[in-house]
N, C-alpha and C. Protein backbone atom coordinates (compact mmCIF):
# COMPACT_ATOMS: atom_id res chain seq x y z
N MET A 1 -14.60 -11.33 -2.15
CA MET A 1 -13.73 -11.30 -3.32
C MET A 1 -14.27 -10.30 -4.33
N ALA A 2 -13.42 -9.60 -4.97
CA ALA A 2 -13.81 -8.59 -5.95
C ALA A 2 -14.27 -9.24 -7.24
N LYS A 3 -15.09 -8.50 -7.97
CA LYS A 3 -15.47 -8.96 -9.29
C LYS A 3 -14.25 -8.98 -10.18
N ARG A 4 -14.23 -9.88 -11.11
CA ARG A 4 -13.11 -9.97 -12.03
C ARG A 4 -12.98 -8.66 -12.81
N GLY A 5 -11.74 -8.15 -12.88
CA GLY A 5 -11.50 -6.93 -13.63
C GLY A 5 -11.53 -5.68 -12.79
N HIS A 6 -11.84 -5.81 -11.51
CA HIS A 6 -11.88 -4.63 -10.64
C HIS A 6 -11.10 -4.93 -9.37
N ALA A 7 -10.29 -3.99 -8.95
CA ALA A 7 -9.54 -4.17 -7.71
C ALA A 7 -10.52 -4.14 -6.55
N PRO A 8 -10.28 -4.98 -5.57
CA PRO A 8 -11.16 -4.98 -4.40
C PRO A 8 -11.08 -3.63 -3.70
N PRO A 9 -12.21 -3.11 -3.23
CA PRO A 9 -12.19 -1.84 -2.54
C PRO A 9 -11.53 -1.99 -1.19
N ALA A 10 -10.35 -1.47 -1.03
CA ALA A 10 -9.61 -1.47 0.22
C ALA A 10 -9.42 -2.85 0.83
N GLY A 11 -10.11 -3.83 0.38
CA GLY A 11 -9.97 -5.16 0.97
C GLY A 11 -9.58 -6.17 -0.07
N GLY A 12 -9.39 -7.40 0.36
CA GLY A 12 -9.04 -8.37 -0.66
C GLY A 12 -8.48 -9.65 -0.14
N GLU A 13 -7.25 -9.92 -0.46
CA GLU A 13 -6.70 -11.24 -0.34
C GLU A 13 -6.15 -11.63 1.04
N LYS A 14 -5.40 -10.79 1.67
CA LYS A 14 -4.71 -11.18 2.89
C LYS A 14 -5.11 -10.25 4.03
N GLU A 15 -5.83 -10.79 4.98
CA GLU A 15 -6.28 -10.02 6.14
C GLU A 15 -6.94 -8.71 5.72
N GLY A 16 -7.79 -8.77 4.71
CA GLY A 16 -8.52 -7.59 4.26
C GLY A 16 -7.75 -6.67 3.34
N LYS A 17 -6.54 -7.06 2.92
CA LYS A 17 -5.76 -6.19 2.02
C LYS A 17 -5.25 -6.99 0.84
N VAL A 18 -5.21 -6.33 -0.30
CA VAL A 18 -4.62 -6.94 -1.48
C VAL A 18 -3.11 -6.80 -1.35
N VAL A 19 -2.40 -7.86 -1.66
CA VAL A 19 -0.94 -7.81 -1.65
C VAL A 19 -0.51 -7.63 -3.11
N TYR A 20 0.04 -6.46 -3.40
CA TYR A 20 0.47 -6.15 -4.77
C TYR A 20 1.91 -6.62 -4.95
N LYS A 21 2.06 -7.71 -5.67
CA LYS A 21 3.39 -8.25 -5.94
C LYS A 21 3.75 -7.97 -7.39
N ILE A 22 3.98 -6.70 -7.65
CA ILE A 22 4.31 -6.27 -9.00
C ILE A 22 5.27 -5.09 -8.88
N LYS A 23 6.28 -5.08 -9.71
CA LYS A 23 7.27 -4.00 -9.68
C LYS A 23 6.77 -2.82 -10.49
N LEU A 24 7.05 -1.62 -9.99
CA LEU A 24 6.69 -0.40 -10.70
C LEU A 24 7.96 0.26 -11.21
N LYS A 25 8.07 0.38 -12.51
CA LYS A 25 9.22 1.05 -13.11
C LYS A 25 8.75 2.39 -13.65
N LEU A 26 9.29 3.45 -13.13
CA LEU A 26 8.90 4.81 -13.51
C LEU A 26 9.88 5.33 -14.55
N LEU A 27 9.37 5.72 -15.71
CA LEU A 27 10.18 6.28 -16.78
C LEU A 27 9.84 7.76 -16.91
N ASP A 28 10.83 8.60 -16.65
CA ASP A 28 10.67 10.05 -16.78
C ASP A 28 10.92 10.43 -18.22
N ARG A 29 9.89 10.87 -18.90
CA ARG A 29 9.98 11.17 -20.34
C ARG A 29 10.88 12.36 -20.62
N GLU A 30 10.97 13.31 -19.68
CA GLU A 30 11.81 14.49 -19.90
C GLU A 30 13.29 14.16 -19.84
N THR A 31 13.69 13.38 -18.84
CA THR A 31 15.12 13.10 -18.65
C THR A 31 15.56 11.79 -19.28
N GLY A 32 14.60 10.90 -19.55
CA GLY A 32 14.94 9.59 -20.08
C GLY A 32 15.36 8.61 -19.01
N GLU A 33 15.40 9.06 -17.76
CA GLU A 33 15.81 8.20 -16.65
C GLU A 33 14.67 7.27 -16.25
N SER A 34 15.05 6.09 -15.82
CA SER A 34 14.05 5.17 -15.28
C SER A 34 14.56 4.63 -13.96
N ARG A 35 13.60 4.33 -13.09
CA ARG A 35 13.93 3.79 -11.78
C ARG A 35 12.72 3.04 -11.25
N TYR A 36 12.96 2.20 -10.27
CA TYR A 36 11.87 1.50 -9.63
C TYR A 36 11.35 2.32 -8.47
N CYS A 37 10.06 2.25 -8.23
CA CYS A 37 9.48 2.96 -7.10
C CYS A 37 8.51 2.03 -6.38
N THR A 38 8.09 2.45 -5.21
CA THR A 38 7.18 1.64 -4.40
C THR A 38 5.76 2.21 -4.50
N LEU A 39 4.80 1.42 -4.07
CA LEU A 39 3.43 1.91 -4.02
C LEU A 39 3.29 3.04 -3.01
N ASP A 40 4.05 2.94 -1.93
CA ASP A 40 4.01 4.02 -0.93
C ASP A 40 4.46 5.34 -1.54
N GLU A 41 5.47 5.30 -2.39
CA GLU A 41 5.91 6.52 -3.07
C GLU A 41 4.85 7.02 -4.04
N ALA A 42 4.29 6.11 -4.82
CA ALA A 42 3.27 6.48 -5.80
C ALA A 42 2.05 7.12 -5.13
N LYS A 43 1.74 6.67 -3.95
CA LYS A 43 0.61 7.22 -3.22
C LYS A 43 0.82 8.70 -2.89
N THR A 44 2.07 9.12 -2.74
CA THR A 44 2.38 10.50 -2.36
C THR A 44 2.45 11.45 -3.55
N TRP A 45 2.40 10.94 -4.77
CA TRP A 45 2.47 11.80 -5.95
C TRP A 45 1.29 12.76 -5.97
N ASP A 46 1.48 13.92 -6.59
CA ASP A 46 0.41 14.91 -6.72
C ASP A 46 -0.52 14.47 -7.85
N TRP A 47 -1.52 13.70 -7.49
CA TRP A 47 -2.46 13.16 -8.48
C TRP A 47 -3.43 14.21 -8.99
N GLU A 48 -3.51 15.34 -8.30
CA GLU A 48 -4.43 16.41 -8.69
C GLU A 48 -3.84 17.33 -9.76
N ASN A 49 -2.57 17.23 -10.05
CA ASN A 49 -1.89 18.12 -10.98
C ASN A 49 -2.18 17.69 -12.43
N PRO A 50 -2.98 18.46 -13.17
CA PRO A 50 -3.29 18.07 -14.55
C PRO A 50 -2.14 18.27 -15.52
N GLU A 51 -1.07 18.92 -15.09
CA GLU A 51 0.07 19.18 -15.96
C GLU A 51 1.03 17.99 -16.05
N VAL A 52 0.85 17.00 -15.18
CA VAL A 52 1.70 15.80 -15.21
C VAL A 52 0.83 14.62 -15.62
N TRP A 53 1.25 13.95 -16.67
CA TRP A 53 0.53 12.77 -17.13
C TRP A 53 1.31 11.52 -16.78
N ARG A 54 0.59 10.50 -16.37
CA ARG A 54 1.17 9.18 -16.12
C ARG A 54 0.41 8.17 -16.97
N ILE A 55 1.16 7.42 -17.75
CA ILE A 55 0.57 6.49 -18.70
C ILE A 55 1.05 5.07 -18.38
N VAL A 56 0.11 4.13 -18.37
CA VAL A 56 0.43 2.71 -18.21
C VAL A 56 -0.28 1.96 -19.33
N GLY A 57 0.49 1.36 -20.19
CA GLY A 57 -0.08 0.56 -21.26
C GLY A 57 -1.07 1.31 -22.14
N GLY A 58 -0.79 2.59 -22.40
CA GLY A 58 -1.68 3.38 -23.24
C GLY A 58 -2.82 4.05 -22.49
N TRP A 59 -2.97 3.79 -21.21
CA TRP A 59 -4.03 4.37 -20.40
C TRP A 59 -3.47 5.49 -19.53
N GLN A 60 -4.14 6.65 -19.54
CA GLN A 60 -3.73 7.73 -18.66
C GLN A 60 -4.29 7.43 -17.26
N ILE A 61 -3.40 7.48 -16.28
CA ILE A 61 -3.78 7.20 -14.89
C ILE A 61 -3.87 8.53 -14.16
N THR A 62 -5.04 8.84 -13.63
CA THR A 62 -5.27 10.15 -13.02
C THR A 62 -5.48 10.10 -11.51
N SER A 63 -5.38 8.92 -10.92
CA SER A 63 -5.54 8.82 -9.47
C SER A 63 -4.81 7.57 -8.97
N PHE A 64 -4.52 7.58 -7.69
CA PHE A 64 -3.86 6.42 -7.09
C PHE A 64 -4.77 5.19 -7.17
N GLN A 65 -6.07 5.38 -6.98
CA GLN A 65 -7.00 4.26 -7.05
C GLN A 65 -7.01 3.64 -8.45
N LYS A 66 -6.95 4.48 -9.50
CA LYS A 66 -6.88 3.95 -10.86
C LYS A 66 -5.59 3.16 -11.07
N LEU A 67 -4.49 3.64 -10.47
CA LEU A 67 -3.24 2.90 -10.56
C LEU A 67 -3.40 1.53 -9.91
N LEU A 68 -4.02 1.48 -8.74
CA LEU A 68 -4.25 0.20 -8.06
C LEU A 68 -5.11 -0.73 -8.92
N ASN A 69 -6.13 -0.17 -9.57
CA ASN A 69 -6.98 -0.98 -10.44
C ASN A 69 -6.18 -1.60 -11.58
N ILE A 70 -5.33 -0.79 -12.22
CA ILE A 70 -4.49 -1.28 -13.32
C ILE A 70 -3.53 -2.36 -12.81
N LEU A 71 -2.91 -2.11 -11.66
CA LEU A 71 -1.99 -3.10 -11.09
C LEU A 71 -2.69 -4.42 -10.83
N TYR A 72 -3.89 -4.35 -10.30
CA TYR A 72 -4.66 -5.56 -10.00
C TYR A 72 -4.95 -6.34 -11.29
N LEU A 73 -5.38 -5.61 -12.33
CA LEU A 73 -5.66 -6.27 -13.60
C LEU A 73 -4.40 -6.90 -14.20
N LYS A 74 -3.29 -6.17 -14.12
CA LYS A 74 -2.03 -6.70 -14.65
C LYS A 74 -1.57 -7.93 -13.87
N MET A 75 -1.74 -7.91 -12.55
CA MET A 75 -1.36 -9.07 -11.74
C MET A 75 -2.21 -10.28 -12.08
N GLU A 76 -3.51 -10.05 -12.33
CA GLU A 76 -4.40 -11.14 -12.73
C GLU A 76 -3.92 -11.82 -14.01
N LYS A 77 -3.29 -11.02 -14.88
CA LYS A 77 -2.79 -11.55 -16.15
C LYS A 77 -1.39 -12.12 -16.03
N GLY A 78 -0.82 -12.06 -14.83
CA GLY A 78 0.50 -12.65 -14.61
C GLY A 78 1.67 -11.71 -14.79
N CYS A 79 1.42 -10.42 -14.98
CA CYS A 79 2.52 -9.46 -15.13
C CYS A 79 3.27 -9.32 -13.81
N GLU A 80 4.58 -9.25 -13.89
CA GLU A 80 5.40 -9.07 -12.71
C GLU A 80 5.96 -7.66 -12.60
N GLU A 81 5.83 -6.88 -13.69
CA GLU A 81 6.37 -5.53 -13.71
C GLU A 81 5.57 -4.69 -14.69
N ILE A 82 5.35 -3.42 -14.32
CA ILE A 82 4.74 -2.49 -15.25
C ILE A 82 5.62 -1.27 -15.36
N GLU A 83 5.49 -0.59 -16.48
CA GLU A 83 6.23 0.65 -16.69
C GLU A 83 5.23 1.80 -16.67
N ILE A 84 5.54 2.80 -15.86
CA ILE A 84 4.73 4.01 -15.78
C ILE A 84 5.50 5.11 -16.49
N LEU A 85 4.93 5.62 -17.55
CA LEU A 85 5.54 6.73 -18.29
C LEU A 85 5.02 8.02 -17.67
N GLU A 86 5.93 8.87 -17.22
CA GLU A 86 5.54 10.13 -16.60
C GLU A 86 6.15 11.28 -17.41
N ALA A 87 5.31 12.26 -17.72
CA ALA A 87 5.79 13.39 -18.52
C ALA A 87 4.88 14.59 -18.32
N PRO A 88 5.43 15.78 -18.55
CA PRO A 88 4.56 16.96 -18.55
C PRO A 88 3.54 16.84 -19.67
N ARG A 89 2.37 17.34 -19.43
CA ARG A 89 1.27 17.26 -20.38
C ARG A 89 1.66 17.79 -21.76
N PHE A 90 2.35 18.93 -21.80
CA PHE A 90 2.66 19.53 -23.10
C PHE A 90 3.56 18.64 -23.96
N THR A 91 4.45 17.86 -23.35
CA THR A 91 5.31 16.99 -24.16
C THR A 91 4.53 15.83 -24.74
N MET A 92 3.53 15.36 -24.02
CA MET A 92 2.72 14.25 -24.51
C MET A 92 1.82 14.72 -25.66
N LEU A 93 1.30 15.93 -25.54
CA LEU A 93 0.40 16.45 -26.57
C LEU A 93 1.13 16.84 -27.84
N SER A 94 2.42 17.19 -27.69
CA SER A 94 3.19 17.60 -28.87
C SER A 94 3.89 16.42 -29.54
N GLY A 95 3.62 15.23 -29.06
CA GLY A 95 4.20 14.05 -29.67
C GLY A 95 5.51 13.65 -29.03
N GLY A 96 5.88 14.33 -27.99
CA GLY A 96 6.93 14.09 -27.13
C GLY A 96 8.25 13.72 -27.37
């Protein structure tokens, strides 16, 4: 079992895997559109691109593993859904 506050490394609850039962709502800051996405989709995002910022609850998420950590912490607190704010870096820095 993982220490409290940290997502288990690749392993966890069910047959060595954490089951993430939380909805991901992606809000595109440029278009104002929002939609639900899956973890599989989030895994394919270009996490290396510094020009795209993703924010969850005031925290900038810069990798898929960090996203998993945040999801794990939110699930521990009973959250059923999180909102991911996605925007180009320049819009976030200019007050967007």
